[in-house]
Amino acid sequence: MTHLHTTDATTGTGALPVDVETINATLATAHSMRRGRLSPDAVATLHLTLRGHLAVLLDAAREIADALPTGSFDRHRMEIHLQRLTALHVRPIARSTGAAYSDVQQLVRGCDWLLVHLDRT
C-alpha cells in the first residue's frame, strides 16, 4: 500500500497516511463510468467518496504550499489551484445525473492534479 503522509488536522501532530492506492482505485472507477449507463446512486456515491479523497489530499497539499517561500511563483500557483479545488470540494452535487457526472470528473481531475504534485515532494 502506497502512502503519503500529512499532519492530523485536529491535533496538528502525527502523520496521517494518504492511501494513494485507494484513491487511484476510486479514480479508475470514475474513469470506467464513461463506458456505461450512469446510475444516479453510483454517481452520488462516487461524488461523496471523491470529496473525501480531495479533502485529505488538500490537507497534504496545504502543508506543502505553506512550506514554500512566501511570495514565490510556485507557492502562488499552488495556492491558486488549492483555492479552486477547495471551492470544488465544498460545492454540492448537481441535481441531474449528467451534471453530477461532470462534477465527478472535475473531482477526478482535482485528485489527479494533487496526487501528481504531492508525489513530486
PDB file of N, CA and C in Angstrom:
ATOM      1  N   MET A   1       0.847  -1.171   0.000  1.00  0.00           N
ATOM      2  CA  MET A   1       0.000   0.000   0.000  1.00  0.00           C
ATOM      3  C   MET A   1       0.895   1.237   0.000  1.00  0.00           C
ATOM      4  N   THR A   2       0.671   2.157  -0.924  1.00  0.00           N
ATOM      5  CA  THR A   2       1.452   3.374  -1.026  1.00  0.00           C
ATOM      6  C   THR A   2       0.802   4.465  -0.196  1.00  0.00           C
ATOM      7  N   HIS A   3       1.602   5.158   0.600  1.00  0.00           N
ATOM      8  CA  HIS A   3       1.079   6.217   1.436  1.00  0.00           C
ATOM      9  C   HIS A   3       1.915   7.478   1.280  1.00  0.00           C
ATOM     10  N   LEU A   4       1.237   8.602   1.301  1.00  0.00           N
ATOM     11  CA  LEU A   4       1.863   9.892   1.521  1.00  0.00           C
ATOM     12  C   LEU A   4       1.512  10.224   2.953  1.00  0.00           C
ATOM     13  N   HIS A   5       2.196  11.162   3.564  1.00  0.00           N
ATOM     14  CA  HIS A   5       1.881  11.484   4.950  1.00  0.00           C
ATOM     15  C   HIS A   5       1.523  12.948   5.104  1.00  0.00           C
ATOM     16  N   THR A   6       0.594  13.208   5.991  1.00  0.00           N
ATOM     17  CA  THR A   6       0.152  14.558   6.300  1.00  0.00           C
ATOM     18  C   THR A   6      -0.045  14.668   7.806  1.00  0.00           C
ATOM     19  N   THR A   7      -0.232  15.866   8.276  1.00  0.00           N
ATOM     20  CA  THR A   7      -0.419  16.100   9.703  1.00  0.00           C
ATOM     21  C   THR A   7      -1.888  15.961  10.062  1.00  0.00           C
ATOM     22  N   ASP A   8      -2.171  15.443  11.258  1.00  0.00           N
ATOM     23  CA  ASP A   8      -3.529  15.329  11.761  1.00  0.00           C
ATOM     24  C   ASP A   8      -4.099  16.731  11.935  1.00  0.00           C
ATOM     25  N   ALA A   9      -5.124  17.069  11.179  1.00  0.00           N
ATOM     26  CA  ALA A   9      -5.693  18.414  11.194  1.00  0.00           C
ATOM     27  C   ALA A   9      -6.330  18.760  12.534  1.00  0.00           C
ATOM     28  N   THR A  10      -6.785  17.777  13.281  1.00  0.00           N
ATOM     29  CA  THR A  10      -7.459  18.062  14.549  1.00  0.00           C
ATOM     30  C   THR A  10      -6.469  18.348  15.665  1.00  0.00           C
ATOM     31  N   THR A  11      -5.317  17.685  15.650  1.00  0.00           N
ATOM     32  CA  THR A  11      -4.349  17.876  16.733  1.00  0.00           C
ATOM     33  C   THR A  11      -3.109  18.616  16.282  1.00  0.00           C
ATOM     34  N   GLY A  12      -2.870  18.661  14.977  1.00  0.00           N
ATOM     35  CA  GLY A  12      -1.678  19.307  14.464  1.00  0.00           C
ATOM     36  C   GLY A  12      -0.421  18.468  14.631  1.00  0.00           C
ATOM     37  N   THR A  13      -0.587  17.219  15.005  1.00  0.00           N
ATOM     38  CA  THR A  13       0.571  16.355  15.227  1.00  0.00           C
ATOM     39  C   THR A  13       0.368  15.028  14.522  1.00  0.00           C
ATOM     40  N   GLY A  14       1.449  14.276  14.443  1.00  0.00           N
ATOM     41  CA  GLY A  14       1.352  12.929  13.892  1.00  0.00           C
ATOM     42  C   GLY A  14       1.250  12.943  12.382  1.00  0.00           C
ATOM     43  N   ALA A  15       1.426  11.790  11.798  1.00  0.00           N
ATOM     44  CA  ALA A  15       1.352  11.668  10.351  1.00  0.00           C
ATOM     45  C   ALA A  15       0.186  10.773   9.986  1.00  0.00           C
ATOM     46  N   LEU A  16      -0.728  11.327   9.246  1.00  0.00           N
ATOM     47  CA  LEU A  16      -1.855  10.548   8.745  1.00  0.00           C
ATOM     48  C   LEU A  16      -1.524  10.098   7.331  1.00  0.00           C
ATOM     49  N   PRO A  17      -1.697   8.835   7.028  1.00  0.00           N
ATOM     50  CA  PRO A  17      -1.373   8.378   5.679  1.00  0.00           C
ATOM     51  C   PRO A  17      -2.441   8.774   4.667  1.00  0.00           C
ATOM     52  N   VAL A  18      -1.999   9.123   3.491  1.00  0.00           N
ATOM     53  CA  VAL A  18      -2.876   9.321   2.351  1.00  0.00           C
ATOM     54  C   VAL A  18      -2.741   8.047   1.537  1.00  0.00           C
ATOM     55  N   ASP A  19      -3.778   7.246   1.503  1.00  0.00           N
ATOM     56  CA  ASP A  19      -3.733   5.953   0.833  1.00  0.00           C
ATOM     57  C   ASP A  19      -3.879   6.143  -0.677  1.00  0.00           C
ATOM     58  N   VAL A  20      -2.756   6.237  -1.343  1.00  0.00           N
ATOM     59  CA  VAL A  20      -2.733   6.524  -2.775  1.00  0.00           C
ATOM     60  C   VAL A  20      -3.381   5.400  -3.575  1.00  0.00           C
ATOM     61  N   GLU A  21      -3.198   4.170  -3.171  1.00  0.00           N
ATOM     62  CA  GLU A  21      -3.779   3.047  -3.914  1.00  0.00           C
ATOM     63  C   GLU A  21      -5.305   3.094  -3.882  1.00  0.00           C
ATOM     64  N   THR A  22      -5.875   3.414  -2.724  1.00  0.00           N
ATOM     65  CA  THR A  22      -7.336   3.508  -2.627  1.00  0.00           C
ATOM     66  C   THR A  22      -7.855   4.659  -3.479  1.00  0.00           C
ATOM     67  N   ILE A  23      -7.156   5.788  -3.429  1.00  0.00           N
ATOM     68  CA  ILE A  23      -7.571   6.939  -4.243  1.00  0.00           C
ATOM     69  C   ILE A  23      -7.477   6.585  -5.719  1.00  0.00           C
ATOM     70  N   ASN A  24      -6.390   5.939  -6.129  1.00  0.00           N
ATOM     71  CA  ASN A  24      -6.249   5.547  -7.532  1.00  0.00           C
ATOM     72  C   ASN A  24      -7.328   4.559  -7.960  1.00  0.00           C
ATOM     73  N   ALA A  25      -7.730   3.653  -7.063  1.00  0.00           N
ATOM     74  CA  ALA A  25      -8.811   2.715  -7.386  1.00  0.00           C
ATOM     75  C   ALA A  25     -10.125   3.465  -7.593  1.00  0.00           C
ATOM     76  N   THR A  26     -10.381   4.474  -6.768  1.00  0.00           N
ATOM     77  CA  THR A  26     -11.591   5.282  -6.931  1.00  0.00           C
ATOM     78  C   THR A  26     -11.542   6.047  -8.247  1.00  0.00           C
ATOM     79  N   LEU A  27     -10.372   6.589  -8.573  1.00  0.00           N
ATOM     80  CA  LEU A  27     -10.222   7.318  -9.835  1.00  0.00           C
ATOM     81  C   LEU A  27     -10.446   6.383 -11.023  1.00  0.00           C
ATOM     82  N   ALA A  28      -9.958   5.158 -10.941  1.00  0.00           N
ATOM     83  CA  ALA A  28     -10.169   4.180 -12.015  1.00  0.00           C
ATOM     84  C   ALA A  28     -11.654   3.866 -12.175  1.00  0.00           C
ATOM     85  N   THR A  29     -12.360   3.765 -11.055  1.00  0.00           N
ATOM     86  CA  THR A  29     -13.810   3.537 -11.105  1.00  0.00           C
ATOM     87  C   THR A  29     -14.495   4.696 -11.814  1.00  0.00           C
ATOM     88  N   ALA A  30     -14.096   5.905 -11.475  1.00  0.00           N
ATOM     89  CA  ALA A  30     -14.698   7.088 -12.113  1.00  0.00           C
ATOM     90  C   ALA A  30     -14.421   7.103 -13.612  1.00  0.00           C
ATOM     91  N   HIS A  31     -13.208   6.749 -14.000  1.00  0.00           N
ATOM     92  CA  HIS A  31     -12.879   6.703 -15.428  1.00  0.00           C
ATOM     93  C   HIS A  31     -13.680   5.626 -16.144  1.00  0.00           C
ATOM     94  N   SER A  32     -13.947   4.512 -15.479  1.00  0.00           N
ATOM     95  CA  SER A  32     -14.687   3.427 -16.121  1.00  0.00           C
ATOM     96  C   SER A  32     -16.165   3.767 -16.312  1.00  0.00           C
ATOM     97  N   MET A  33     -16.661   4.743 -15.602  1.00  0.00           N
ATOM     98  CA  MET A  33     -18.071   5.134 -15.736  1.00  0.00           C
ATOM     99  C   MET A  33     -18.372   5.695 -17.117  1.00  0.00           C
ATOM    100  N   ARG A  34     -17.351   6.094 -17.841  1.00  0.00           N
ATOM    101  CA  ARG A  34     -17.554   6.643 -19.187  1.00  0.00           C
ATOM    102  C   ARG A  34     -18.120   5.600 -20.137  1.00  0.00           C
ATOM    103  N   ARG A  35     -17.901   4.338 -19.804  1.00  0.00           N
ATOM    104  CA  ARG A  35     -18.269   3.275 -20.730  1.00  0.00           C
ATOM    105  C   ARG A  35     -19.659   2.696 -20.510  1.00  0.00           C
ATOM    106  N   GLY A  36     -20.386   3.181 -19.565  1.00  0.00           N
ATOM    107  CA  GLY A  36     -21.678   2.564 -19.298  1.00  0.00           C
ATOM    108  C   GLY A  36     -22.757   3.569 -18.971  1.00  0.00           C
ATOM    109  N   ARG A  37     -23.895   3.034 -18.700  1.00  0.00           N
ATOM    110  CA  ARG A  37     -25.043   3.848 -18.308  1.00  0.00           C
ATOM    111  C   ARG A  37     -24.794   4.371 -16.888  1.00  0.00           C
ATOM    112  N   LEU A  38     -25.136   5.620 -16.670  1.00  0.00           N
ATOM    113  CA  LEU A  38     -24.863   6.259 -15.391  1.00  0.00           C
ATOM    114  C   LEU A  38     -26.018   6.056 -14.418  1.00  0.00           C
ATOM    115  N   SER A  39     -25.741   5.399 -13.329  1.00  0.00           N
ATOM    116  CA  SER A  39     -26.714   5.234 -12.262  1.00  0.00           C
ATOM    117  C   SER A  39     -26.613   6.438 -11.337  1.00  0.00           C
ATOM    118  N   PRO A  40     -27.724   7.122 -11.060  1.00  0.00           N
ATOM    119  CA  PRO A  40     -27.666   8.283 -10.163  1.00  0.00           C
ATOM    120  C   PRO A  40     -27.071   7.946  -8.799  1.00  0.00           C
ATOM    121  N   ASP A  41     -27.395   6.777  -8.261  1.00  0.00           N
ATOM    122  CA  ASP A  41     -26.848   6.390  -6.956  1.00  0.00           C
ATOM    123  C   ASP A  41     -25.344   6.163  -7.028  1.00  0.00           C
ATOM    124  N   ALA A  42     -24.884   5.535  -8.101  1.00  0.00           N
ATOM    125  CA  ALA A  42     -23.446   5.285  -8.256  1.00  0.00           C
ATOM    126  C   ALA A  42     -22.683   6.597  -8.401  1.00  0.00           C
ATOM    127  N   VAL A  43     -23.235   7.529  -9.161  1.00  0.00           N
ATOM    128  CA  VAL A  43     -22.595   8.831  -9.344  1.00  0.00           C
ATOM    129  C   VAL A  43     -22.545   9.580  -8.013  1.00  0.00           C
ATOM    130  N   ALA A  44     -23.635   9.553  -7.260  1.00  0.00           N
ATOM    131  CA  ALA A  44     -23.675  10.242  -5.959  1.00  0.00           C
ATOM    132  C   ALA A  44     -22.681   9.637  -4.973  1.00  0.00           C
ATOM    133  N   THR A  45     -22.596   8.312  -4.942  1.00  0.00           N
ATOM    134  CA  THR A  45     -21.654   7.641  -4.046  1.00  0.00           C
ATOM    135  C   THR A  45     -20.218   7.978  -4.429  1.00  0.00           C
ATOM    136  N   LEU A  46     -19.933   7.947  -5.713  1.00  0.00           N
ATOM    137  CA  LEU A  46     -18.591   8.273  -6.191  1.00  0.00           C
ATOM    138  C   LEU A  46     -18.250   9.730  -5.883  1.00  0.00           C
ATOM    139  N   HIS A  47     -19.219  10.606  -6.030  1.00  0.00           N
ATOM    140  CA  HIS A  47     -19.019  12.023  -5.724  1.00  0.00           C
ATOM    141  C   HIS A  47     -18.616  12.203  -4.257  1.00  0.00           C
ATOM    142  N   LEU A  48     -19.331  11.551  -3.364  1.00  0.00           N
ATOM    143  CA  LEU A  48     -19.007  11.663  -1.935  1.00  0.00           C
ATOM    144  C   LEU A  48     -17.637  11.075  -1.618  1.00  0.00           C
ATOM    145  N   THR A  49     -17.313   9.952  -2.222  1.00  0.00           N
ATOM    146  CA  THR A  49     -16.014   9.317  -1.998  1.00  0.00           C
ATOM    147  C   THR A  49     -14.887  10.217  -2.482  1.00  0.00           C
ATOM    148  N   LEU A  50     -15.055  10.782  -3.668  1.00  0.00           N
ATOM    149  CA  LEU A  50     -14.028  11.663  -4.219  1.00  0.00           C
ATOM    150  C   LEU A  50     -13.875  12.937  -3.388  1.00  0.00           C
ATOM    151  N   ARG A  51     -14.964  13.451  -2.862  1.00  0.00           N
ATOM    152  CA  ARG A  51     -14.858  14.628  -1.988  1.00  0.00           C
ATOM    153  C   ARG A  51     -14.045  14.296  -0.744  1.00  0.00           C
ATOM    154  N   GLY A  52     -14.208  13.092  -0.218  1.00  0.00           N
ATOM    155  CA  GLY A  52     -13.406  12.674   0.929  1.00  0.00           C
ATOM    156  C   GLY A  52     -11.926  12.577   0.577  1.00  0.00           C
ATOM    157  N   HIS A  53     -11.635  11.979  -0.574  1.00  0.00           N
ATOM    158  CA  HIS A  53     -10.247  11.886  -1.025  1.00  0.00           C
ATOM    159  C   HIS A  53      -9.661  13.282  -1.228  1.00  0.00           C
ATOM    160  N   LEU A  54     -10.445  14.156  -1.852  1.00  0.00           N
ATOM    161  CA  LEU A  54      -9.972  15.506  -2.119  1.00  0.00           C
ATOM    162  C   LEU A  54      -9.660  16.249  -0.823  1.00  0.00           C
ATOM    163  N   ALA A  55     -10.478  16.047   0.206  1.00  0.00           N
ATOM    164  CA  ALA A  55     -10.243  16.709   1.498  1.00  0.00           C
ATOM    165  C   ALA A  55      -8.890  16.297   2.077  1.00  0.00           C
ATOM    166  N   VAL A  56      -8.590  15.009   2.035  1.00  0.00           N
ATOM    167  CA  VAL A  56      -7.315  14.514   2.564  1.00  0.00           C
ATOM    168  C   VAL A  56      -6.148  15.049   1.733  1.00  0.00           C
ATOM    169  N   LEU A  57      -6.299  15.013   0.424  1.00  0.00           N
ATOM    170  CA  LEU A  57      -5.231  15.499  -0.448  1.00  0.00           C
ATOM    171  C   LEU A  57      -5.017  17.005  -0.293  1.00  0.00           C
ATOM    172  N   LEU A  58      -6.099  17.745  -0.099  1.00  0.00           N
ATOM    173  CA  LEU A  58      -5.978  19.191   0.102  1.00  0.00           C
ATOM    174  C   LEU A  58      -5.188  19.499   1.366  1.00  0.00           C
ATOM    175  N   ASP A  59      -5.442  18.756   2.432  1.00  0.00           N
ATOM    176  CA  ASP A  59      -4.691  18.965   3.677  1.00  0.00           C
ATOM    177  C   ASP A  59      -3.196  18.757   3.448  1.00  0.00           C
ATOM    178  N   ALA A  60      -2.856  17.691   2.751  1.00  0.00           N
ATOM    179  CA  ALA A  60      -1.446  17.414   2.479  1.00  0.00           C
ATOM    180  C   ALA A  60      -0.839  18.494   1.583  1.00  0.00           C
ATOM    181  N   ALA A  61      -1.590  18.944   0.601  1.00  0.00           N
ATOM    182  CA  ALA A  61      -1.091  19.969  -0.324  1.00  0.00           C
ATOM    183  C   ALA A  61      -0.919  21.319   0.376  1.00  0.00           C
ATOM    184  N   ARG A  62      -1.789  21.632   1.318  1.00  0.00           N
ATOM    185  CA  ARG A  62      -1.650  22.892   2.064  1.00  0.00           C
ATOM    186  C   ARG A  62      -0.357  22.900   2.874  1.00  0.00           C
ATOM    187  N   GLU A  63       0.009  21.764   3.433  1.00  0.00           N
ATOM    188  CA  GLU A  63       1.274  21.665   4.166  1.00  0.00           C
ATOM    189  C   GLU A  63       2.448  21.969   3.241  1.00  0.00           C
ATOM    190  N   ILE A  64       2.395  21.433   2.041  1.00  0.00           N
ATOM    191  CA  ILE A  64       3.473  21.662   1.078  1.00  0.00           C
ATOM    192  C   ILE A  64       3.502  23.131   0.659  1.00  0.00           C
ATOM    193  N   ALA A  65       2.333  23.697   0.383  1.00  0.00           N
ATOM    194  CA  ALA A  65       2.266  25.107  -0.016  1.00  0.00           C
ATOM    195  C   ALA A  65       2.788  26.015   1.096  1.00  0.00           C
ATOM    196  N   ASP A  66       2.459  25.698   2.336  1.00  0.00           N
ATOM    197  CA  ASP A  66       2.916  26.511   3.463  1.00  0.00           C
ATOM    198  C   ASP A  66       4.433  26.458   3.638  1.00  0.00           C
ATOM    199  N   ALA A  67       5.046  25.377   3.176  1.00  0.00           N
ATOM    200  CA  ALA A  67       6.498  25.234   3.309  1.00  0.00           C
ATOM    201  C   ALA A  67       7.257  25.967   2.199  1.00  0.00           C
ATOM    202  N   LEU A  68       6.542  26.359   1.134  1.00  0.00           N
ATOM    203  CA  LEU A  68       7.202  27.073   0.043  1.00  0.00           C
ATOM    204  C   LEU A  68       7.479  28.516   0.463  1.00  0.00           C
ATOM    205  N   PRO A  69       8.504  29.132  -0.096  1.00  0.00           N
ATOM    206  CA  PRO A  69       8.834  30.511   0.273  1.00  0.00           C
ATOM    207  C   PRO A  69       7.679  31.476  -0.029  1.00  0.00           C
ATOM    208  N   THR A  70       7.382  32.327   0.932  1.00  0.00           N
ATOM    209  CA  THR A  70       6.331  33.332   0.757  1.00  0.00           C
ATOM    210  C   THR A  70       6.671  34.220  -0.429  1.00  0.00           C
ATOM    211  N   GLY A  71       5.688  34.449  -1.285  1.00  0.00           N
ATOM    212  CA  GLY A  71       5.878  35.305  -2.446  1.00  0.00           C
ATOM    213  C   GLY A  71       6.450  34.607  -3.662  1.00  0.00           C
ATOM    214  N   SER A  72       6.789  33.338  -3.536  1.00  0.00           N
ATOM    215  CA  SER A  72       7.366  32.627  -4.681  1.00  0.00           C
ATOM    216  C   SER A  72       6.274  32.288  -5.694  1.00  0.00           C
ATOM    217  N   PHE A  73       6.704  32.146  -6.941  1.00  0.00           N
ATOM    218  CA  PHE A  73       5.781  31.781  -8.008  1.00  0.00           C
ATOM    219  C   PHE A  73       5.132  30.429  -7.729  1.00  0.00           C
ATOM    220  N   ASP A  74       5.943  29.454  -7.289  1.00  0.00           N
ATOM    221  CA  ASP A  74       5.418  28.110  -7.031  1.00  0.00           C
ATOM    222  C   ASP A  74       4.344  28.136  -5.942  1.00  0.00           C
ATOM    223  N   ARG A  75       4.585  28.904  -4.889  1.00  0.00           N
ATOM    224  CA  ARG A  75       3.599  28.989  -3.809  1.00  0.00           C
ATOM    225  C   ARG A  75       2.319  29.651  -4.309  1.00  0.00           C
ATOM    226  N   HIS A  76       2.451  30.729  -5.064  1.00  0.00           N
ATOM    227  CA  HIS A  76       1.274  31.418  -5.592  1.00  0.00           C
ATOM    228  C   HIS A  76       0.464  30.497  -6.503  1.00  0.00           C
ATOM    229  N   ARG A  77       1.153  29.804  -7.390  1.00  0.00           N
ATOM    230  CA  ARG A  77       0.474  28.893  -8.316  1.00  0.00           C
ATOM    231  C   ARG A  77      -0.264  27.792  -7.546  1.00  0.00           C
ATOM    232  N   MET A  78       0.393  27.230  -6.538  1.00  0.00           N
ATOM    233  CA  MET A  78      -0.227  26.162  -5.769  1.00  0.00           C
ATOM    234  C   MET A  78      -1.425  26.696  -4.978  1.00  0.00           C
ATOM    235  N   GLU A  79      -1.299  27.882  -4.399  1.00  0.00           N
ATOM    236  CA  GLU A  79      -2.416  28.468  -3.645  1.00  0.00           C
ATOM    237  C   GLU A  79      -3.626  28.715  -4.536  1.00  0.00           C
ATOM    238  N   ILE A  80      -3.393  29.161  -5.768  1.00  0.00           N
ATOM    239  CA  ILE A  80      -4.498  29.376  -6.716  1.00  0.00           C
ATOM    240  C   ILE A  80      -5.209  28.056  -7.002  1.00  0.00           C
ATOM    241  N   HIS A  81      -4.446  27.009  -7.264  1.00  0.00           N
ATOM    242  CA  HIS A  81      -5.043  25.689  -7.510  1.00  0.00           C
ATOM    243  C   HIS A  81      -5.795  25.192  -6.275  1.00  0.00           C
ATOM    244  N   LEU A  82      -5.219  25.380  -5.103  1.00  0.00           N
ATOM    245  CA  LEU A  82      -5.870  24.920  -3.877  1.00  0.00           C
ATOM    246  C   LEU A  82      -7.168  25.670  -3.615  1.00  0.00           C
ATOM    247  N   GLN A  83      -7.206  26.953  -3.933  1.00  0.00           N
ATOM    248  CA  GLN A  83      -8.457  27.715  -3.789  1.00  0.00           C
ATOM    249  C   GLN A  83      -9.534  27.164  -4.712  1.00  0.00           C
ATOM    250  N   ARG A  84      -9.155  26.887  -5.950  1.00  0.00           N
ATOM    251  CA  ARG A  84     -10.115  26.342  -6.917  1.00  0.00           C
ATOM    252  C   ARG A  84     -10.604  24.966  -6.474  1.00  0.00           C
ATOM    253  N   LEU A  85      -9.687  24.133  -6.012  1.00  0.00           N
ATOM    254  CA  LEU A  85     -10.070  22.789  -5.575  1.00  0.00           C
ATOM    255  C   LEU A  85     -10.886  22.818  -4.285  1.00  0.00           C
ATOM    256  N   THR A  86     -10.614  23.758  -3.402  1.00  0.00           N
ATOM    257  CA  THR A  86     -11.414  23.896  -2.188  1.00  0.00           C
ATOM    258  C   THR A  86     -12.849  24.282  -2.545  1.00  0.00           C
ATOM    259  N   ALA A  87     -13.000  25.198  -3.492  1.00  0.00           N
ATOM    260  CA  ALA A  87     -14.346  25.581  -3.941  1.00  0.00           C
ATOM    261  C   ALA A  87     -15.062  24.387  -4.560  1.00  0.00           C
ATOM    262  N   LEU A  88     -14.339  23.591  -5.320  1.00  0.00           N
ATOM    263  CA  LEU A  88     -14.912  22.383  -5.923  1.00  0.00           C
ATOM    264  C   LEU A  88     -15.310  21.387  -4.838  1.00  0.00           C
ATOM    265  N   HIS A  89     -14.495  21.268  -3.814  1.00  0.00           N
ATOM    266  CA  HIS A  89     -14.748  20.323  -2.727  1.00  0.00           C
ATOM    267  C   HIS A  89     -16.035  20.637  -1.967  1.00  0.00           C
ATOM    268  N   VAL A  90     -16.322  21.895  -1.745  1.00  0.00           N
ATOM    269  CA  VAL A  90     -17.490  22.263  -0.930  1.00  0.00           C
ATOM    270  C   VAL A  90     -18.772  22.399  -1.753  1.00  0.00           C
ATOM    271  N   ARG A  91     -18.651  22.397  -3.071  1.00  0.00           N
ATOM    272  CA  ARG A  91     -19.830  22.541  -3.921  1.00  0.00           C
ATOM    273  C   ARG A  91     -20.689  21.272  -3.860  1.00  0.00           C
ATOM    274  N   PRO A  92     -22.001  21.429  -3.629  1.00  0.00           N
ATOM    275  CA  PRO A  92     -22.868  20.237  -3.582  1.00  0.00           C
ATOM    276  C   PRO A  92     -23.007  19.605  -4.964  1.00  0.00           C
ATOM    277  N   ILE A  93     -23.383  18.354  -4.964  1.00  0.00           N
ATOM    278  CA  ILE A  93     -23.556  17.626  -6.215  1.00  0.00           C
ATOM    279  C   ILE A  93     -24.739  18.206  -6.995  1.00  0.00           C
ATOM    280  N   ALA A  94     -24.599  18.225  -8.311  1.00  0.00           N
ATOM    281  CA  ALA A  94     -25.663  18.730  -9.181  1.00  0.00           C
ATOM    282  C   ALA A  94     -26.877  17.805  -9.129  1.00  0.00           C
ATOM    283  N   ARG A  95     -28.011  18.322  -9.503  1.00  0.00           N
ATOM    284  CA  ARG A  95     -29.257  17.543  -9.420  1.00  0.00           C
ATOM    285  C   ARG A  95     -29.427  16.545 -10.558  1.00  0.00           C
ATOM    286  N   SER A  96     -29.034  16.901 -11.753  1.00  0.00           N
ATOM    287  CA  SER A  96     -29.204  15.965 -12.868  1.00  0.00           C
ATOM    288  C   SER A  96     -28.019  15.011 -12.919  1.00  0.00           C
ATOM    289  N   THR A  97     -28.247  13.813 -13.402  1.00  0.00           N
ATOM    290  CA  THR A  97     -27.202  12.800 -13.449  1.00  0.00           C
ATOM    291  C   THR A  97     -26.044  13.235 -14.336  1.00  0.00           C
ATOM    292  N   GLY A  98     -26.342  13.829 -15.477  1.00  0.00           N
ATOM    293  CA  GLY A  98     -25.285  14.270 -16.387  1.00  0.00           C
ATOM    294  C   GLY A  98     -24.411  15.347 -15.764  1.00  0.00           C
ATOM    295  N   ALA A  99     -25.028  16.321 -15.121  1.00  0.00           N
ATOM    296  CA  ALA A  99     -24.265  17.389 -14.463  1.00  0.00           C
ATOM    297  C   ALA A  99     -23.496  16.839 -13.267  1.00  0.00           C
ATOM    298  N   ALA A 100     -24.089  15.885 -12.544  1.00  0.00           N
ATOM    299  CA  ALA A 100     -23.404  15.266 -11.406  1.00  0.00           C
ATOM    300  C   ALA A 100     -22.179  14.492 -11.891  1.00  0.00           C
ATOM    301  N   TYR A 101     -22.313  13.813 -13.029  1.00  0.00           N
ATOM    302  CA  TYR A 101     -21.182  13.101 -13.610  1.00  0.00           C
ATOM    303  C   TYR A 101     -20.070  14.085 -13.979  1.00  0.00           C
ATOM    304  N   SER A 102     -20.452  15.240 -14.497  1.00  0.00           N
ATOM    305  CA  SER A 102     -19.474  16.281 -14.807  1.00  0.00           C
ATOM    306  C   SER A 102     -18.753  16.737 -13.536  1.00  0.00           C
ATOM    307  N   ASP A 103     -19.502  16.872 -12.441  1.00  0.00           N
ATOM    308  CA  ASP A 103     -18.896  17.219 -11.148  1.00  0.00           C
ATOM    309  C   ASP A 103     -17.890  16.151 -10.722  1.00  0.00           C
ATOM    310  N   VAL A 104     -18.258  14.888 -10.910  1.00  0.00           N
ATOM    311  CA  VAL A 104     -17.369  13.781 -10.561  1.00  0.00           C
ATOM    312  C   VAL A 104     -16.075  13.886 -11.372  1.00  0.00           C
ATOM    313  N   GLN A 105     -16.183  14.171 -12.650  1.00  0.00           N
ATOM    314  CA  GLN A 105     -14.991  14.267 -13.490  1.00  0.00           C
ATOM    315  C   GLN A 105     -14.098  15.431 -13.067  1.00  0.00           C
ATOM    316  N   GLN A 106     -14.685  16.522 -12.598  1.00  0.00           N
ATOM    317  CA  GLN A 106     -13.886  17.638 -12.088  1.00  0.00           C
ATOM    318  C   GLN A 106     -13.153  17.230 -10.803  1.00  0.00           C
ATOM    319  N   LEU A 107     -13.830  16.480  -9.945  1.00  0.00           N
ATOM    320  CA  LEU A 107     -13.184  15.974  -8.729  1.00  0.00           C
ATOM    321  C   LEU A 107     -12.041  15.023  -9.081  1.00  0.00           C
ATOM    322  N   VAL A 108     -12.246  14.201 -10.099  1.00  0.00           N
ATOM    323  CA  VAL A 108     -11.199  13.278 -10.556  1.00  0.00           C
ATOM    324  C   VAL A 108      -9.977  14.073 -11.008  1.00  0.00           C
ATOM    325  N   ARG A 109     -10.197  15.089 -11.822  1.00  0.00           N
ATOM    326  CA  ARG A 109      -9.069  15.904 -12.296  1.00  0.00           C
ATOM    327  C   ARG A 109      -8.358  16.586 -11.124  1.00  0.00           C
ATOM    328  N   GLY A 110      -9.130  17.050 -10.140  1.00  0.00           N
ATOM    329  CA  GLY A 110      -8.523  17.673  -8.967  1.00  0.00           C
ATOM    330  C   GLY A 110      -7.671  16.699  -8.174  1.00  0.00           C
ATOM    331  N   CYS A 111      -8.190  15.500  -7.960  1.00  0.00           N
ATOM    332  CA  CYS A 111      -7.420  14.477  -7.243  1.00  0.00           C
ATOM    333  C   CYS A 111      -6.170  14.100  -8.024  1.00  0.00           C
ATOM    334  N   ASP A 112      -6.310  13.944  -9.340  1.00  0.00           N
ATOM    335  CA  ASP A 112      -5.155  13.619 -10.180  1.00  0.00           C
ATOM    336  C   ASP A 112      -4.068  14.688 -10.046  1.00  0.00           C
ATOM    337  N   TRP A 113      -4.463  15.949 -10.143  1.00  0.00           N
ATOM    338  CA  TRP A 113      -3.510  17.054 -10.054  1.00  0.00           C
ATOM    339  C   TRP A 113      -2.794  17.026  -8.702  1.00  0.00           C
ATOM    340  N   LEU A 114      -3.558  16.849  -7.636  1.00  0.00           N
ATOM    341  CA  LEU A 114      -2.957  16.831  -6.301  1.00  0.00           C
ATOM    342  C   LEU A 114      -2.009  15.649  -6.126  1.00  0.00           C
ATOM    343  N   LEU A 115      -2.397  14.476  -6.610  1.00  0.00           N
ATOM    344  CA  LEU A 115      -1.518  13.319  -6.499  1.00  0.00           C
ATOM    345  C   LEU A 115      -0.189  13.553  -7.226  1.00  0.00           C
ATOM    346  N   VAL A 116      -0.255  14.134  -8.395  1.00  0.00           N
ATOM    347  CA  VAL A 116       0.979  14.412  -9.151  1.00  0.00           C
ATOM    348  C   VAL A 116       1.857  15.387  -8.376  1.00  0.00           C
ATOM    349  N   HIS A 117       1.256  16.439  -7.841  1.00  0.00           N
ATOM    350  CA  HIS A 117       2.057  17.453  -7.145  1.00  0.00           C
ATOM    351  C   HIS A 117       2.532  16.988  -5.778  1.00  0.00           C
ATOM    352  N   LEU A 118       1.780  16.140  -5.122  1.00  0.00           N
ATOM    353  CA  LEU A 118       2.231  15.603  -3.845  1.00  0.00           C
ATOM    354  C   LEU A 118       3.342  14.586  -4.039  1.00  0.00           C
ATOM    355  N   ASP A 119       3.305  13.884  -5.141  1.00  0.00           N
ATOM    356  CA  ASP A 119       4.314  12.878  -5.439  1.00  0.00           C
ATOM    357  C   ASP A 119       5.666  13.511  -5.753  1.00  0.00           C
ATOM    358  N   ARG A 120       5.659  14.748  -6.174  1.00  0.00           N
ATOM    359  CA  ARG A 120       6.899  15.448  -6.522  1.00  0.00           C
ATOM    360  C   ARG A 120       7.708  15.826  -5.297  1.00  0.00           C
ATOM    361  N   THR A 121       7.066  15.840  -4.141  1.00  0.00           N
ATOM    362  CA  THR A 121       7.770  16.295  -2.931  1.00  0.00           C
ATOM    363  C   THR A 121       8.428  15.150  -2.213  1.00  0.00           C
TER     364      THR A 121
END
